[in-house]
Amino acid sequence: MPLLMCPNDNAPMQTLDRHGVQFDMCPTCRGVWLDRGELEKLMAAAADEGRA
């Protein structure tokens, strides 16, 4: 997979994994890039965690 560059400051983004969902975050401006469906998965995981 090609390296994703931050659209805000052109820094290389880092791939992170939270709740089994991989997404990209800029270590400089802390902007986040989510692919289709990733926001919904993160929200569902957070809701499940809140019920536990």
Protein backbone atom coordinates (compact mmCIF):
# COMPACT_ATOMS: atom_id res chain seq x y z
CA MET A 1 0.00 0.00 0.00
CA PRO A 2 1.45 3.41 -0.93
CA LEU A 3 2.29 5.81 1.87
CA LEU A 4 -0.53 8.29 2.49
CA MET A 5 0.53 11.90 2.88
CA CYS A 6 -1.40 14.29 5.11
CA PRO A 7 -3.46 16.74 3.01
CA ASN A 8 -2.97 19.40 5.70
CA ASP A 9 0.83 19.49 6.11
CA ASN A 10 2.12 16.86 3.64
CA ALA A 11 3.67 14.73 6.41
CA PRO A 12 3.65 10.93 6.01
CA MET A 13 0.72 9.45 7.90
CA GLN A 14 1.03 6.51 10.29
CA THR A 15 -1.29 3.50 10.27
CA LEU A 16 -2.92 2.85 13.65
CA ASP A 17 -5.13 0.02 14.86
CA ARG A 18 -7.92 0.65 17.36
CA HIS A 19 -10.60 -1.91 18.15
CA GLY A 20 -9.45 -3.95 15.14
CA VAL A 21 -9.95 -1.01 12.75
CA GLN A 22 -6.94 0.31 10.87
CA PHE A 23 -6.84 4.01 10.01
CA ASP A 24 -4.24 6.65 9.23
CA MET A 25 -3.16 9.52 11.50
CA CYS A 26 -0.77 12.40 10.92
CA PRO A 27 1.79 12.54 13.75
CA THR A 28 2.33 16.26 13.10
CA CYS A 29 -1.18 17.77 13.07
CA ARG A 30 -2.95 14.67 14.47
CA GLY A 31 -5.41 14.67 11.59
CA VAL A 32 -7.15 11.34 10.92
CA TRP A 33 -8.01 9.69 7.60
CA LEU A 34 -10.77 7.07 7.68
CA ASP A 35 -11.72 4.83 4.79
CA ARG A 36 -15.33 3.99 4.03
CA GLY A 37 -17.01 2.22 6.95
CA GLU A 38 -14.20 2.77 9.46
CA LEU A 39 -15.97 5.53 11.39
CA GLU A 40 -19.03 3.33 11.88
CA LYS A 41 -16.85 0.43 13.08
CA LEU A 42 -15.03 2.67 15.56
CA MET A 43 -18.31 4.11 16.85
CA ALA A 44 -19.80 0.63 17.29
CA ALA A 45 -16.70 -0.58 19.16
CA ALA A 46 -16.79 2.47 21.45
CA ALA A 47 -20.49 1.91 22.15
CA ASP A 48 -19.83 -1.76 22.97
CA GLU A 49 -16.97 -0.73 25.27
CA GLY A 50 -19.26 1.76 27.03
CA ARG A 51 -21.80 -0.99 27.75
CA ALA A 52 -19.20 -3.29 29.33
